[in-house]
Amino acid sequence: MGSSSVESLVPAGFEVIGIENDMRARFFGPDASVADTLRRLVQRFPEARFLDLDVRDRDGMERLFRENADIELVVHAAAQPSHDWAASDPQTDFGVNAVGTLNLLEAARAHCPDATFVFASTNKVYGDLPNSLPLEDHETRLELPESHRWYDGIDTSMSIDRSTHSLFGVSKASADLLVQEFGLYFGMPTICFRAGCITGPSHAGARLHGFLAYLMRCVVIGIPYTVYGYRGKQVRDNIHSNDLVRAFLAFHEAPRVAAVYNIGGGRASNCSMLEAIAACEGIAGQTLDWTLSDEPRVGDHRWWISDLTEFRRDYWSWSIERTVPSILREIHDENVERWTAAVT
């Protein structure tokens, strides 16, 4: 998400300051490190600045914003993004996701309160309430009846209460509410994009995070893969990071106070686990060694497709440009040589 933002914002004329301390390597191991991605960005965009800072560092964030008080757009994509990892270290998860967000909001309020504040939130703020939907069992997926009001996607009227979120979902929900409150209470132009699966060729593809990228990597180099629960028929919508950044920029051009939208691939770009496995195998020309666990992850969704109607109503020029087949092809083609070289 961060690299896609840089790749879009620099050509658009923004002077970009990126914050990165490669916590992904700590969360998910060396395979998830963003060091190579950062090196590519530095080489490609020498005019951008990249700082080794941690969003949990309150003084560091305050100093950064004080020294750059002309900031006009904040894209907050820093996160601990994994259900499973959050349970292993709740304090770090909450520190990064919730306290880090508060630090950024306070620094922005103090030094550039009119800057557009974009927060990459998550559909996990709704907890497991989507699992109460009356899903039908189809051959390769679970699906809502076409007559259901959320067949075209779940909108923001779904409650976030009385559900199991996972600790990750709780920390992100805390951050989401903070972003809204700073907008409502202080009049700041903020937005929460409650995203489904964000993906793209720069995704590191770690076991605990990066569903499509990791799945393709497993197919390509023969890593055994475990599908957790629901017989592999659970459905996710998937949005390419570039499509999401275009949504960020659309909002920045006409910001609102305390906006909240569900965002994702919607009906245009979604798949079940079984469908994703078949697509990866078809693109890679190889068979995945996978097993099915009867136990789903805590708070995991059986079905999620985002309703894009609200965002497209307010920002009508935006639409999904990349769908699951093209995303998977791009992930494969841009990573296959690097993945295979790493195991030879």
Protein backbone atom coordinates (compact mmCIF):
# COMPACT_ATOMS: atom_id res chain seq x y z
CA MET A 1 0.00 0.00 0.00
CA GLY A 2 2.78 2.41 0.92
CA SER A 3 4.84 1.67 -2.18
CA SER A 4 1.80 2.07 -4.45
CA SER A 5 1.11 5.43 -2.82
CA VAL A 6 4.66 6.59 -3.57
CA GLU A 7 4.44 5.30 -7.14
CA SER A 8 1.27 7.32 -7.72
CA LEU A 9 1.94 10.45 -5.67
CA VAL A 10 5.43 11.32 -6.97
CA PRO A 11 4.37 11.34 -10.65
CA ALA A 12 1.31 13.38 -9.64
CA GLY A 13 3.64 16.13 -8.41
CA PHE A 14 3.64 15.52 -4.67
CA GLU A 15 6.82 15.92 -2.64
CA VAL A 16 6.68 12.60 -0.80
CA ILE A 17 8.01 11.85 2.67
CA GLY A 18 7.78 8.15 3.44
CA ILE A 19 7.97 6.62 6.92
CA GLU A 20 9.26 3.05 7.07
CA ASN A 21 10.99 0.95 9.73
CA ASP A 22 10.39 -2.51 8.20
CA MET A 23 8.26 -3.83 11.05
CA ARG A 24 6.88 -6.35 8.53
CA ALA A 25 10.13 -8.31 8.86
CA ARG A 26 9.60 -8.46 12.63
CA PHE A 27 5.97 -9.47 12.25
CA PHE A 28 6.33 -12.13 9.56
CA GLY A 29 10.03 -12.92 9.13
CA PRO A 30 12.66 -11.98 6.53
CA ASP A 31 10.52 -13.10 3.58
CA ALA A 32 8.12 -10.28 4.43
CA SER A 33 10.78 -7.57 4.62
CA VAL A 34 10.09 -4.44 2.59
CA ALA A 35 13.80 -3.61 2.33
CA ASP A 36 14.01 -4.56 -1.36
CA THR A 37 10.87 -2.59 -2.17
CA LEU A 38 12.26 0.43 -0.35
CA ARG A 39 15.54 0.19 -2.27
CA ARG A 40 13.64 0.11 -5.55
CA LEU A 41 11.61 3.16 -4.54
CA VAL A 42 14.74 5.09 -3.53
CA GLN A 43 16.36 4.32 -6.89
CA ARG A 44 13.26 5.10 -8.92
CA PHE A 45 12.23 8.25 -7.03
CA PRO A 46 15.37 10.02 -5.78
CA GLU A 47 13.29 13.15 -5.18
CA ALA A 48 11.29 11.39 -2.45
CA ARG A 49 12.50 11.23 1.16
CA PHE A 50 12.27 8.06 3.25
CA LEU A 51 12.71 8.19 7.02
CA ASP A 52 13.34 5.35 9.46
CA LEU A 53 10.63 6.21 12.00
CA ASP A 54 8.05 4.35 14.06
CA VAL A 55 4.48 5.66 14.29
CA ARG A 56 4.50 4.68 17.98
CA ASP A 57 7.18 7.35 18.55
CA ARG A 58 5.01 10.27 19.65
CA ASP A 59 7.87 12.77 19.79
CA GLY A 60 9.20 11.61 16.43
CA MET A 61 5.83 12.09 14.75
CA GLU A 62 5.36 15.51 16.33
CA ARG A 63 8.81 16.61 15.18
CA LEU A 64 8.25 15.30 11.65
CA PHE A 65 4.99 17.22 11.24
CA ARG A 66 6.37 20.35 12.91
CA GLU A 67 9.28 20.42 10.48
CA ASN A 68 6.95 19.85 7.52
CA ALA A 69 3.92 21.94 8.46
CA ASP A 70 2.97 22.43 4.79
CA ILE A 71 1.82 18.81 4.49
CA GLU A 72 -1.43 18.64 2.50
CA LEU A 73 -2.07 14.89 2.39
CA VAL A 74 -1.42 12.16 4.96
CA VAL A 75 -1.78 8.56 3.77
CA HIS A 76 -1.77 6.37 6.87
CA ALA A 77 -1.18 2.76 5.84
CA ALA A 78 1.13 1.74 8.70
CA ALA A 79 -0.24 -1.33 10.46
CA GLN A 80 0.21 -4.67 12.08
CA PRO A 81 -2.14 -6.40 9.63
CA SER A 82 -2.54 -10.00 10.81
CA HIS A 83 -5.27 -11.68 12.90
CA ASP A 84 -2.96 -14.40 14.11
CA TRP A 85 0.03 -12.21 14.89
CA ALA A 86 -2.11 -9.83 16.95
CA ALA A 87 -3.03 -12.62 19.34
CA SER A 88 0.66 -13.41 19.89
CA ASP A 89 1.52 -9.85 20.97
CA PRO A 90 -1.60 -7.72 21.66
CA GLN A 91 0.34 -4.79 23.11
CA THR A 92 2.49 -4.31 20.03
CA ASP A 93 -0.54 -4.78 17.78
CA PHE A 94 -2.52 -2.12 19.66
CA GLY A 95 0.50 0.16 19.91
CA VAL A 96 1.07 0.17 16.16
CA ASN A 97 -2.54 0.20 15.00
CA ALA A 98 -4.28 2.36 17.61
CA VAL A 99 -1.63 4.42 19.44
CA GLY A 100 0.31 5.00 16.22
CA THR A 101 -2.84 6.37 14.61
CA LEU A 102 -3.45 8.68 17.57
CA ASN A 103 0.12 9.99 17.30
CA LEU A 104 -0.33 10.80 13.62
CA LEU A 105 -3.70 12.47 14.17
CA GLU A 106 -2.39 14.63 17.02
CA ALA A 107 0.68 15.67 15.02
CA ALA A 108 -1.49 16.54 12.03
CA ARG A 109 -3.98 18.47 14.19
CA ALA A 110 -1.19 20.48 15.77
CA HIS A 111 0.68 21.41 12.59
CA CYS A 112 -1.46 20.83 9.46
CA PRO A 113 -5.11 20.47 10.53
CA ASP A 114 -6.37 21.18 7.02
CA ALA A 115 -4.38 18.31 5.50
CA THR A 116 -6.44 15.45 4.10
CA PHE A 117 -6.01 12.49 6.46
CA VAL A 118 -6.54 9.15 4.70
CA PHE A 119 -6.68 6.05 6.89
CA ALA A 120 -6.46 2.53 5.48
CA SER A 121 -8.97 0.85 7.79
CA THR A 122 -10.39 -2.66 7.37
CA ASN A 123 -13.63 -4.57 7.07
CA LYS A 124 -12.57 -6.39 10.25
CA VAL A 125 -14.07 -3.48 12.20
CA TYR A 126 -17.37 -5.33 11.66
CA GLY A 127 -16.07 -8.39 13.45
CA ASP A 128 -17.71 -11.66 12.49
CA LEU A 129 -21.21 -10.21 11.97
CA PRO A 130 -21.01 -11.02 8.24
CA ASN A 131 -21.03 -14.68 9.28
CA SER A 132 -24.67 -14.33 10.31
CA LEU A 133 -25.70 -13.65 6.70
CA PRO A 134 -27.96 -16.33 5.09
CA LEU A 135 -25.35 -17.75 2.73
CA GLU A 136 -26.11 -20.40 0.13
CA ASP A 137 -23.70 -23.28 -0.51
CA HIS A 138 -22.64 -23.24 -4.17
CA GLU A 139 -20.15 -25.56 -5.86
CA THR A 140 -17.07 -23.38 -5.42
CA ARG A 141 -18.24 -20.64 -3.05
CA LEU A 142 -20.63 -19.44 -0.43
CA GLU A 143 -22.97 -16.81 -1.83
CA LEU A 144 -25.78 -14.49 -0.76
CA PRO A 145 -29.17 -14.89 -2.42
CA GLU A 146 -29.60 -12.33 -5.20
CA SER A 147 -32.68 -11.01 -3.39
CA HIS A 148 -30.67 -10.04 -0.29
CA ARG A 149 -30.10 -6.31 0.23
CA TRP A 150 -26.35 -6.86 0.52
CA TYR A 151 -25.97 -9.12 -2.51
CA ASP A 152 -24.09 -6.33 -4.33
CA GLY A 153 -21.94 -5.77 -1.25
CA ILE A 154 -22.09 -4.89 2.44
CA ASP A 155 -22.49 -1.20 3.21
CA THR A 156 -21.56 0.86 6.28
CA SER A 157 -24.95 0.35 7.92
CA MET A 158 -23.66 -2.97 9.29
CA SER A 159 -23.02 -2.66 13.03
CA ILE A 160 -19.57 -3.05 14.55
CA ASP A 161 -21.04 -4.16 17.91
CA ARG A 162 -21.79 -7.57 19.48
CA SER A 163 -19.30 -9.50 17.41
CA THR A 164 -15.91 -11.19 17.68
CA HIS A 165 -13.36 -9.03 15.90
CA SER A 166 -10.00 -10.67 16.62
CA LEU A 167 -7.55 -8.49 18.51
CA PHE A 168 -6.37 -7.07 15.19
CA GLY A 169 -9.94 -6.06 14.38
CA VAL A 170 -10.25 -4.34 17.75
CA SER A 171 -7.06 -2.31 17.36
CA LYS A 172 -8.08 -1.26 13.85
CA ALA A 173 -11.61 -0.39 15.01
CA SER A 174 -10.07 1.80 17.73
CA ALA A 175 -8.01 3.59 15.11
CA ASP A 176 -11.02 3.90 12.80
CA LEU A 177 -13.07 5.59 15.54
CA LEU A 178 -10.18 7.91 16.38
CA VAL A 179 -9.94 9.05 12.77
CA GLN A 180 -13.67 9.70 12.65
CA GLU A 181 -13.62 11.53 15.97
CA PHE A 182 -10.80 13.85 14.98
CA GLY A 183 -12.82 14.69 11.90
CA LEU A 184 -16.08 15.28 13.77
CA TYR A 185 -14.66 16.93 16.91
CA PHE A 186 -11.92 19.04 15.34
CA GLY A 187 -13.35 19.51 11.85
CA MET A 188 -10.44 17.80 10.12
CA PRO A 189 -10.88 16.31 6.62
CA THR A 190 -10.51 12.62 7.46
CA ILE A 191 -11.57 9.40 5.80
CA CYS A 192 -11.68 5.75 6.84
CA PHE A 193 -11.48 3.33 3.94
CA ARG A 194 -12.75 0.04 5.38
CA ALA A 195 -11.02 -2.22 2.91
CA GLY A 196 -11.38 -5.86 2.04
CA CYS A 197 -8.20 -7.61 0.82
CA ILE A 198 -5.67 -5.09 -0.51
CA THR A 199 -3.25 -6.72 -2.90
CA GLY A 200 -0.85 -6.27 -5.78
CA PRO A 201 2.55 -7.37 -7.09
CA SER A 202 4.50 -5.56 -4.35
CA HIS A 203 2.77 -7.52 -1.59
CA ALA A 204 5.44 -9.52 0.21
CA GLY A 205 3.32 -12.66 0.33
CA ALA A 206 3.89 -13.81 3.91
CA ARG A 207 2.03 -16.74 5.45
CA LEU A 208 0.10 -14.62 7.94
CA HIS A 209 -0.64 -11.75 5.59
CA GLY A 210 -1.01 -11.20 1.87
CA PHE A 211 -3.56 -13.80 0.82
CA LEU A 212 -3.28 -13.73 -2.99
CA ALA A 213 0.46 -13.02 -3.14
CA TYR A 214 1.28 -15.77 -0.67
CA LEU A 215 -1.02 -18.22 -2.40
CA MET A 216 0.64 -17.59 -5.76
CA ARG A 217 4.08 -17.90 -4.18
CA CYS A 218 3.12 -21.27 -2.68
CA VAL A 219 1.96 -22.52 -6.07
CA VAL A 220 5.10 -21.30 -7.85
CA ILE A 221 7.72 -22.73 -5.50
CA GLY A 222 5.84 -25.64 -3.98
CA ILE A 223 5.13 -24.47 -0.44
CA PRO A 224 2.34 -26.51 1.23
CA TYR A 225 -0.71 -24.34 1.89
CA THR A 226 -3.42 -24.65 4.56
CA VAL A 227 -6.96 -23.39 4.00
CA TYR A 228 -8.66 -22.57 7.30
CA GLY A 229 -12.31 -23.54 7.55
CA TYR A 230 -15.48 -23.25 5.46
CA ARG A 231 -14.32 -25.99 3.03
CA GLY A 232 -12.42 -23.38 1.07
CA LYS A 233 -15.62 -21.67 -0.05
CA GLN A 234 -15.11 -18.44 1.91
CA VAL A 235 -15.31 -15.39 -0.36
CA ARG A 236 -13.17 -12.23 -0.33
CA ASP A 237 -13.19 -9.20 -2.53
CA ASN A 238 -9.74 -8.06 -3.61
CA ILE A 239 -8.71 -4.55 -4.55
CA HIS A 240 -5.45 -3.74 -6.32
CA SER A 241 -3.41 -1.22 -4.33
CA ASN A 242 -3.29 1.12 -7.34
CA ASP A 243 -7.09 1.21 -7.52
CA LEU A 244 -7.18 2.06 -3.82
CA VAL A 245 -4.63 4.86 -4.19
CA ARG A 246 -6.77 6.32 -6.97
CA ALA A 247 -9.61 6.38 -4.43
CA PHE A 248 -7.32 8.21 -1.99
CA LEU A 249 -6.56 10.85 -4.59
CA ALA A 250 -10.20 11.21 -5.58
CA PHE A 251 -11.07 11.96 -1.96
CA HIS A 252 -8.16 14.40 -1.62
CA GLU A 253 -9.46 16.38 -4.57
CA ALA A 254 -12.82 16.85 -2.81
CA PRO A 255 -12.35 16.03 0.88
CA ARG A 256 -15.11 15.74 3.47
CA VAL A 257 -15.12 15.72 7.26
CA ALA A 258 -15.14 12.30 8.95
CA ALA A 259 -15.98 10.29 5.84
CA VAL A 260 -16.35 6.49 6.09
CA TYR A 261 -16.64 4.09 3.18
CA ASN A 262 -16.41 0.37 2.60
CA ILE A 263 -13.94 -0.21 -0.22
CA GLY A 264 -12.71 -3.29 -2.01
CA GLY A 265 -13.04 -5.19 -5.25
CA GLY A 266 -16.81 -5.33 -4.88
CA ARG A 267 -18.74 -7.46 -7.32
CA ALA A 268 -16.13 -6.73 -10.01
CA SER A 269 -13.19 -8.39 -8.21
CA ASN A 270 -13.79 -11.21 -5.74
CA CYS A 271 -13.16 -14.93 -5.36
CA SER A 272 -13.41 -17.85 -2.99
CA MET A 273 -10.38 -19.74 -1.74
CA LEU A 274 -11.17 -22.63 -4.10
CA GLU A 275 -11.51 -20.23 -7.02
CA ALA A 276 -8.26 -18.45 -6.12
CA ILE A 277 -6.37 -21.77 -5.93
CA ALA A 278 -7.67 -22.82 -9.34
CA ALA A 279 -6.77 -19.46 -10.86
CA CYS A 280 -3.24 -19.52 -9.44
CA GLU A 281 -2.69 -23.07 -10.68
CA GLY A 282 -3.89 -22.09 -14.13
CA ILE A 283 -1.59 -19.08 -14.36
CA ALA A 284 1.48 -20.83 -12.92
CA GLY A 285 0.88 -24.12 -14.70
CA GLN A 286 1.53 -25.98 -11.45
CA THR A 287 -0.53 -27.75 -8.81
CA LEU A 288 -0.78 -26.50 -5.25
CA ASP A 289 -0.13 -28.90 -2.37
CA TRP A 290 -2.88 -27.82 0.00
CA THR A 291 -4.83 -29.18 2.94
CA LEU A 292 -8.04 -28.13 4.61
CA SER A 293 -8.26 -27.36 8.32
CA ASP A 294 -11.72 -27.63 9.86
CA GLU A 295 -10.94 -24.71 12.19
CA PRO A 296 -11.44 -21.20 10.76
CA ARG A 297 -9.42 -18.33 12.15
CA VAL A 298 -11.06 -16.44 15.04
CA GLY A 299 -13.27 -13.64 13.73
CA ASP A 300 -12.69 -14.63 10.11
CA HIS A 301 -15.38 -13.95 7.52
CA ARG A 302 -17.25 -16.59 5.56
CA TRP A 303 -18.19 -14.00 2.93
CA TRP A 304 -17.21 -10.43 2.29
CA ILE A 305 -17.92 -8.27 -0.72
CA SER A 306 -17.82 -4.48 -0.28
CA ASP A 307 -20.63 -2.25 -1.45
CA LEU A 308 -18.95 0.45 -3.53
CA THR A 309 -22.15 2.40 -4.14
CA GLU A 310 -21.58 5.00 -1.42
CA PHE A 311 -18.07 5.92 -2.56
CA ARG A 312 -18.98 5.92 -6.25
CA ARG A 313 -22.00 8.11 -5.51
CA ASP A 314 -19.75 10.76 -3.97
CA TYR A 315 -16.75 10.19 -6.28
CA TRP A 316 -18.41 9.09 -9.49
CA SER A 317 -15.29 9.21 -11.69
CA TRP A 318 -13.64 6.36 -9.72
CA SER A 319 -14.13 2.69 -10.53
CA ILE A 320 -12.35 -0.66 -10.22
CA GLU A 321 -9.86 -1.13 -13.07
CA ARG A 322 -8.18 -4.42 -12.06
CA THR A 323 -9.96 -7.68 -11.28
CA VAL A 324 -8.78 -10.92 -9.66
CA PRO A 325 -7.53 -12.63 -12.86
CA SER A 326 -5.45 -9.62 -13.93
CA ILE A 327 -4.19 -9.07 -10.37
CA LEU A 328 -3.03 -12.68 -10.09
CA ARG A 329 -1.33 -12.53 -13.49
CA GLU A 330 0.49 -9.36 -12.45
CA ILE A 331 1.56 -10.87 -9.12
CA HIS A 332 2.90 -13.94 -10.93
CA ASP A 333 4.69 -12.17 -13.75
CA GLU A 334 6.42 -9.60 -11.57
CA ASN A 335 7.59 -12.06 -8.90
CA VAL A 336 8.11 -15.49 -10.48
CA GLU A 337 11.82 -15.00 -11.28
CA ARG A 338 12.63 -13.64 -7.83
CA TRP A 339 10.69 -16.39 -6.04
CA THR A 340 12.24 -19.21 -8.01
CA ALA A 341 15.74 -17.74 -7.76
CA ALA A 342 15.43 -17.67 -3.98
CA VAL A 343 15.01 -21.44 -3.78
CA THR A 344 17.63 -22.51 -6.36
